[in-house]
Protein backbone atom coordinates (compact mmCIF):
# COMPACT_ATOMS: atom_id res chain seq x y z
CA MET A 1 47.98 -36.95 -7.04
CA GLN A 2 45.40 -34.47 -8.41
CA ARG A 3 42.57 -36.68 -7.15
CA ILE A 4 44.10 -36.97 -3.69
CA LEU A 5 44.56 -33.17 -3.49
CA THR A 6 40.99 -32.48 -4.58
CA PHE A 7 39.51 -35.02 -2.19
CA THR A 8 41.60 -33.64 0.68
CA LEU A 9 40.49 -30.06 0.00
CA ILE A 10 36.83 -31.09 -0.09
CA ILE A 11 37.19 -32.88 3.26
CA LEU A 12 38.99 -29.92 4.87
CA PHE A 13 36.38 -27.41 3.79
CA GLY A 14 33.63 -29.77 4.88
CA ILE A 15 35.16 -30.07 8.35
CA ARG A 16 35.49 -26.29 8.54
CA LEU A 17 31.78 -25.77 7.83
CA ALA A 18 30.73 -28.55 10.21
CA LEU A 19 32.70 -26.93 13.05
CA ALA A 20 31.18 -23.55 12.27
CA ALA A 21 27.69 -25.05 12.36
CA GLN A 22 28.36 -26.62 15.75
CA GLU A 23 29.52 -23.31 17.17
CA ALA A 24 26.30 -21.52 16.23
CA PRO A 25 23.61 -24.05 15.26
CA ASN A 26 20.67 -21.71 15.79
CA LYS A 27 22.28 -18.49 14.69
CA GLU A 28 20.41 -16.61 12.00
CA LEU A 29 22.37 -16.23 8.81
CA ALA A 30 24.27 -12.98 8.65
CA PRO A 31 23.48 -10.60 5.78
CA ALA A 32 26.80 -11.48 4.14
CA ASP A 33 25.75 -15.14 4.03
CA ARG A 34 22.33 -14.67 2.50
CA PRO A 35 21.57 -15.74 -1.06
CA ILE A 36 22.86 -13.53 -3.82
CA VAL A 37 20.33 -12.13 -6.24
CA GLU A 38 20.77 -9.50 -8.87
CA ASP A 39 19.17 -6.41 -7.36
CA ARG A 40 17.68 -5.04 -4.14
CA ALA A 41 14.10 -5.49 -5.33
CA ALA A 42 14.76 -9.17 -5.89
CA ILE A 43 16.30 -9.47 -2.42
CA ASP A 44 13.16 -7.96 -0.90
CA LYS A 45 11.02 -10.50 -2.71
CA ALA A 46 13.12 -13.52 -1.74
CA SER A 47 11.16 -15.89 0.48
CA ASP A 48 12.13 -16.50 4.09
CA ALA A 49 12.26 -20.23 3.34
CA GLU A 50 14.81 -19.75 0.59
CA ARG A 51 16.96 -17.50 2.78
CA SER A 52 17.08 -20.17 5.46
CA THR A 53 17.98 -23.03 3.11
CA VAL A 54 20.59 -21.49 0.78
CA ARG A 55 23.86 -19.96 2.02
CA LEU A 56 26.25 -18.33 -0.43
CA PRO A 57 29.17 -15.94 0.07
CA VAL A 58 28.67 -12.34 -1.00
CA ASN A 59 29.80 -11.51 -4.54
CA LEU A 60 29.92 -7.74 -4.97
CA TYR A 61 29.64 -8.05 -8.76
CA ASP A 62 26.03 -9.19 -8.33
CA THR A 63 24.97 -5.71 -7.19
CA HIS A 64 27.77 -3.42 -8.41
CA SER A 65 26.98 -0.22 -10.32
CA PHE A 66 29.57 2.05 -11.87
CA ASP A 67 29.45 5.80 -11.31
CA GLU A 68 26.76 7.19 -13.58
CA SER A 69 29.13 9.73 -15.13
CA THR A 70 31.22 6.85 -16.54
CA TRP A 71 28.36 4.90 -18.10
CA PRO A 72 28.73 6.27 -21.66
CA TYR A 73 32.47 5.56 -21.67
CA ILE A 74 32.11 2.04 -20.30
CA ARG A 75 29.38 1.16 -22.77
CA GLY A 76 31.34 2.70 -25.60
CA GLY A 77 34.34 0.61 -24.62
CA VAL A 78 32.24 -2.56 -24.55
CA TYR A 79 30.74 -1.81 -27.97
CA ALA A 80 34.20 -1.22 -29.45
CA PHE A 81 36.19 -3.95 -27.72
CA GLY A 82 34.35 -7.08 -28.84
CA PRO A 83 34.20 -6.36 -32.58
CA GLY A 84 37.65 -4.78 -32.51
CA PHE A 85 39.28 -7.72 -30.74
CA VAL A 86 37.87 -10.45 -33.00
CA THR A 87 38.73 -8.43 -36.10
CA VAL A 88 42.35 -7.84 -35.11
CA TRP A 89 42.78 -11.43 -33.91
CA GLY A 90 41.11 -12.77 -37.04
CA ILE A 91 43.44 -10.85 -39.33
CA ILE A 92 46.58 -11.79 -37.37
CA GLU A 93 45.84 -15.39 -36.41
CA TRP A 94 43.13 -16.75 -38.70
CA GLY A 95 44.03 -15.25 -42.07
CA TRP A 96 40.99 -13.09 -42.60
CA PHE A 97 40.68 -11.43 -46.01
CA ASP A 98 43.36 -13.60 -47.63
CA ARG A 99 40.76 -14.62 -50.21
CA PRO A 100 38.55 -12.26 -52.23
CA SER A 101 35.37 -14.34 -52.22
CA PHE A 102 33.15 -15.65 -49.43
CA ASP A 103 33.62 -19.34 -48.69
CA TYR A 104 30.72 -21.34 -47.21
CA LYS A 105 32.27 -24.42 -45.61
CA PRO A 106 30.13 -26.34 -43.08
CA SER A 107 31.99 -28.97 -41.10
CA HIS A 108 31.15 -32.32 -39.56
CA VAL A 109 29.55 -31.65 -36.20
CA TRP A 110 29.64 -35.04 -34.51
CA GLY A 111 31.29 -38.41 -34.78
CA ALA A 112 34.88 -39.61 -35.03
CA HIS A 113 35.63 -37.29 -37.94
CA ALA A 114 34.10 -34.11 -36.50
CA LEU A 115 36.32 -31.06 -36.83
CA ASN A 116 38.81 -31.20 -33.94
CA GLY A 117 36.69 -33.91 -32.37
CA ALA A 118 33.81 -31.40 -31.93
CA SER A 119 35.95 -29.38 -29.49
CA ASP A 120 35.78 -26.53 -31.98
CA LYS A 121 31.98 -26.43 -31.66
CA PHE A 122 32.01 -26.61 -27.87
CA GLY A 123 34.65 -23.89 -27.90
CA HIS A 124 32.29 -21.65 -29.87
CA LEU A 125 29.47 -22.44 -27.47
CA TYR A 126 31.50 -21.64 -24.37
CA ALA A 127 33.18 -18.51 -25.77
CA THR A 128 29.83 -17.00 -26.74
CA TYR A 129 28.38 -17.93 -23.36
CA ALA A 130 31.27 -16.18 -21.58
CA VAL A 131 30.99 -13.05 -23.74
CA LYS A 132 27.26 -12.95 -23.12
CA ARG A 133 27.58 -13.15 -19.35
CA MET A 134 30.43 -10.65 -19.16
CA SER A 135 28.65 -8.10 -21.33
CA THR A 136 25.42 -8.53 -19.34
CA PHE A 137 27.31 -7.51 -16.20
CA PHE A 138 28.53 -4.31 -17.87
CA PHE A 139 25.09 -3.44 -19.20
CA ARG A 140 23.43 -4.07 -15.83
CA SER A 141 26.06 -2.10 -13.91
CA THR A 142 25.64 0.88 -16.24
CA GLY A 143 21.95 1.42 -15.76
CA SER A 144 20.02 -1.35 -17.50
CA SER A 145 17.48 -3.39 -15.58
CA PRO A 146 18.31 -7.10 -15.15
CA VAL A 147 15.84 -8.06 -17.89
CA ARG A 148 17.08 -5.45 -20.34
CA ALA A 149 20.72 -6.23 -19.59
CA ASN A 150 20.04 -9.91 -20.24
CA ILE A 151 18.60 -9.10 -23.67
CA GLU A 152 21.36 -6.59 -24.48
CA GLY A 153 24.03 -9.12 -23.53
CA GLY A 154 22.44 -11.77 -25.75
CA ILE A 155 22.29 -9.43 -28.73
CA TYR A 156 25.84 -8.19 -28.16
CA ALA A 157 27.39 -11.67 -27.89
CA SER A 158 25.49 -12.87 -30.96
CA ALA A 159 26.62 -9.84 -32.96
CA VAL A 160 30.29 -10.21 -31.96
CA GLN A 161 30.31 -13.89 -32.86
CA LEU A 162 28.52 -13.24 -36.16
CA ILE A 163 31.28 -10.78 -37.06
CA LEU A 164 33.78 -13.55 -36.27
CA GLU A 165 31.99 -16.11 -38.42
CA THR A 166 31.63 -13.66 -41.32
CA GLY A 167 35.33 -12.87 -41.17
CA ASP A 168 36.09 -16.61 -41.25
CA GLY A 169 34.19 -16.74 -44.51
CA PHE A 170 36.95 -14.63 -46.09
CA SER A 171 39.73 -16.87 -44.76
CA SER A 172 41.09 -19.70 -46.88
CA ALA A 173 42.00 -21.60 -43.71
CA GLN A 174 38.59 -21.25 -42.05
CA GLY A 175 35.45 -20.64 -44.10
CA PHE A 176 31.97 -19.78 -42.88
CA ASP A 177 30.52 -22.68 -40.89
CA ILE A 178 26.78 -22.43 -40.20
CA TYR A 179 27.16 -24.93 -37.37
CA ASP A 180 29.45 -22.49 -35.58
CA VAL A 181 26.54 -20.05 -35.61
CA VAL A 182 24.23 -22.74 -34.21
CA PHE A 183 26.56 -23.51 -31.30
CA ASN A 184 27.12 -19.78 -30.70
CA SER A 185 23.36 -19.40 -30.38
CA ILE A 186 23.17 -22.27 -27.89
CA GLY A 187 25.82 -20.56 -25.78
CA VAL A 188 23.81 -17.31 -25.81
CA GLY A 189 20.66 -19.21 -24.89
CA ILE A 190 22.28 -20.87 -21.87
CA GLY A 191 23.72 -17.55 -20.74
CA MET A 192 20.31 -15.86 -21.00
CA LEU A 193 18.68 -18.70 -19.10
CA LEU A 194 21.11 -18.48 -16.18
CA ASP A 195 21.10 -14.67 -16.11
CA GLY A 196 17.31 -14.67 -16.28
CA PHE A 197 16.80 -17.16 -13.48
CA PRO A 198 19.21 -16.65 -10.54
CA VAL A 199 17.96 -19.84 -8.90
CA LEU A 200 19.36 -21.81 -11.85
CA ASP A 201 22.53 -19.73 -11.88
CA ARG A 202 23.21 -20.75 -8.29
CA MET A 203 22.98 -24.43 -9.20
CA PHE A 204 24.49 -24.70 -12.69
CA ALA A 205 27.38 -23.27 -14.70
CA LEU A 206 29.28 -23.84 -17.90
CA GLN A 207 33.01 -24.02 -17.26
CA TRP A 208 36.18 -24.29 -19.33
CA GLU A 209 39.28 -26.20 -18.34
CA TYR A 210 42.59 -25.62 -20.09
CA VAL A 211 46.12 -26.91 -19.67
CA PRO A 212 48.50 -25.94 -22.53
CA THR A 213 49.60 -28.94 -24.57
CA LYS A 214 53.19 -29.87 -25.38
CA LYS A 215 52.56 -28.83 -28.98
CA TYR A 216 51.45 -25.36 -27.90
CA ARG A 217 54.27 -24.91 -25.38
CA LYS A 218 56.87 -25.84 -28.01
CA ALA A 219 55.32 -23.42 -30.50
CA VAL A 220 55.48 -20.61 -27.95
CA ALA A 221 59.09 -21.46 -27.04
CA ARG A 222 60.22 -21.16 -30.64
CA ARG A 223 58.01 -18.07 -31.15
CA ASP A 224 55.97 -19.77 -33.81
CA SER A 225 53.23 -17.45 -35.07
CA SER A 226 50.87 -20.43 -35.36
CA ALA A 227 50.67 -20.77 -31.55
CA ASP A 228 47.05 -20.01 -30.66
CA PHE A 229 45.64 -21.13 -27.31
CA PHE A 230 42.09 -20.63 -28.59
CA THR A 231 42.61 -23.59 -30.94
CA ASP A 232 44.81 -25.67 -28.61
CA TYR A 233 41.88 -28.08 -28.29
CA SER A 234 43.77 -31.09 -26.94
CA GLY A 235 44.35 -29.19 -23.72
CA GLN A 236 40.73 -28.14 -23.23
CA LYS A 237 37.65 -29.57 -21.55
CA TYR A 238 34.10 -28.24 -21.50
CA LEU A 239 31.90 -28.87 -18.49
CA LEU A 240 28.33 -28.53 -17.33
CA VAL A 241 28.69 -28.19 -13.57
CA THR A 242 26.02 -28.85 -10.98
CA LYS A 243 26.88 -26.81 -7.89
CA LEU A 244 25.58 -28.54 -4.77
CA GLY A 245 26.31 -25.32 -2.89
CA GLY A 246 23.40 -23.66 -4.67
CA ILE A 247 20.83 -26.34 -3.88
CA PRO A 248 18.55 -25.69 -0.89
CA TYR A 249 19.52 -27.54 2.29
CA LEU A 250 22.61 -29.07 0.66
CA SER A 251 23.98 -25.52 0.74
CA LEU A 252 24.04 -25.74 4.54
CA THR A 253 26.10 -28.93 4.64
CA PRO A 254 29.72 -29.74 3.73
CA LEU A 255 28.41 -30.73 0.29
CA ARG A 256 28.29 -27.00 -0.49
CA TYR A 257 31.94 -27.31 -1.52
CA VAL A 258 31.26 -30.09 -4.04
CA ASN A 259 30.50 -29.84 -7.76
CA ILE A 260 29.21 -32.67 -9.93
CA ASP A 261 30.79 -32.35 -13.36
CA LEU A 262 29.61 -33.56 -16.74
CA GLY A 263 32.54 -32.98 -19.09
CA TYR A 264 33.49 -33.44 -22.73
CA TYR A 265 36.94 -33.38 -24.31
CA ALA A 266 38.81 -34.52 -27.40
CA ARG A 267 42.46 -35.45 -27.66
CA GLY A 268 44.60 -35.69 -30.77
CA TYR A 269 43.11 -34.31 -33.99
CA TYR A 270 46.08 -32.61 -35.63
CA ASP A 271 48.20 -32.97 -32.47
CA LYS A 272 50.57 -35.91 -32.95
CA ASN A 273 51.50 -35.94 -29.28
CA PHE A 274 48.21 -37.78 -28.84
CA ASP A 275 47.63 -41.01 -30.75
CA PRO A 276 45.03 -42.23 -31.36
CA SER A 277 42.55 -39.35 -31.48
CA THR A 278 39.70 -39.82 -29.03
CA ARG A 279 36.46 -38.16 -27.99
CA ASN A 280 35.45 -38.57 -24.37
CA LEU A 281 32.57 -37.91 -22.02
CA TYR A 282 32.95 -38.13 -18.26
CA ILE A 283 31.28 -37.61 -14.91
CA GLY A 284 33.40 -36.29 -12.09
CA ILE A 285 33.57 -34.53 -8.75
CA SER A 286 35.41 -31.30 -8.12
CA LEU A 287 35.82 -28.61 -5.50
CA ASN A 288 33.67 -25.50 -5.75
CA TYR A 289 36.50 -23.00 -5.58
CA ALA A 290 34.12 -20.04 -5.85
CA ILE A 291 32.28 -20.87 -2.63
CA ALA A 292 35.44 -22.08 -0.88
CA LEU A 293 37.31 -18.84 -1.57
CA GLY A 294 34.24 -16.77 -0.80
CA ASP A 295 34.03 -18.41 2.62
CA LEU A 296 37.74 -18.17 3.35
CA LEU A 297 38.36 -14.59 2.24
CA PRO A 298 36.77 -11.47 3.74
CA THR A 299 34.01 -9.88 1.70
CA GLY A 300 35.58 -7.56 -0.86
CA TRP A 301 36.64 -7.20 -4.44
CA THR A 302 39.38 -9.84 -4.22
CA SER A 303 36.93 -12.44 -2.97
CA SER A 304 34.28 -11.39 -5.51
CA THR A 305 36.72 -11.44 -8.44
CA LEU A 306 37.98 -14.91 -7.56
CA GLN A 307 34.43 -16.19 -7.14
CA THR A 308 33.47 -14.90 -10.58
CA ALA A 309 36.61 -16.27 -12.23
CA PHE A 310 36.21 -19.75 -10.77
CA ASN A 311 32.55 -19.81 -11.74
CA HIS A 312 33.78 -19.84 -15.35
CA TYR A 313 37.19 -21.52 -15.23
CA HIS A 314 37.56 -25.10 -14.03
CA PRO A 315 40.96 -25.90 -12.47
CA PRO A 316 42.44 -29.24 -13.62
CA PHE A 317 42.06 -30.87 -10.22
CA ASP A 318 39.09 -33.20 -10.11
CA ILE A 319 38.07 -36.80 -9.65
CA GLU A 320 36.80 -38.40 -12.85
CA ALA A 321 34.44 -41.03 -11.51
CA LYS A 322 33.52 -42.47 -14.90
CA ASP A 323 35.00 -41.81 -18.35
CA TRP A 324 33.44 -43.00 -21.61
CA GLU A 325 35.53 -43.10 -24.78
CA LEU A 326 33.00 -42.22 -27.46
CA THR A 327 35.23 -42.76 -30.50
CA ARG A 328 38.80 -43.68 -31.32
CA THR A 329 40.51 -43.07 -34.64
CA ARG A 330 43.99 -42.69 -36.06
CA ASN A 331 45.46 -39.24 -35.60
CA MET A 332 45.09 -36.92 -38.56
């Protein structure tokens, strides 16, 4: 049913664009349909060829600046929120400081016996990537140049995640895992690459898919303090998405609404509702909700917010064209 729905939506949006193209085949692209870049100087430098081959909906967050009088407060809030959130969450959910000494505990990174099927590591990668990109927006919209904001966001995300990993070192249930730091750094690197090169950002994205598992839903229903959606790995997928809507020429065809997904997920691993435990890689096709909603909705903050959200979150409606089971083992 999910595949049928996705395929139907792709077809409908494709028909809509085809009809629009027939109505005005030679019409110059309106300003609202021109490619999105990060500042006015970059727009002025964009080539005429690129403008005529790439068509994206306007996302106001790409050029937004807060009122200058609020910059110190916004930056102060950003500086305080990240470290404060991970510290409070770590103490409440992950048992920080329940041991007096620092525990260095590297885990298996890959293979059938990797911690949580390696979903834990991909979770670190994606979370750091998301923090990096979000913080870069706040730094850029409070006065920093795109280059400086990119660097500030990378440093900020790395620092927040290092606080998290250090706190884990004082938890008997966690421990400091150097490989978490490695995957955090990869997430920062990908975020800096996409923020530094808008042409790549138009074509690629890291996305996270999540549907709460039965184990998690039951824990929430009985108000179990162990319920933690961050570690509900059997309901999560991690994807590298190629957005055909950001590729020149393809952006002007119905293929603009199509994403090609390369995804990874693990099932089982401490969740007995799944047996056996598996690790899987897949290639799929999904709808580009960001472009679809940007085209359907009038330019504004609702459209821009939804575009940004769906550039990071992947709804669980896709067509998995090919799925490879990498490993299979008895549930732990």
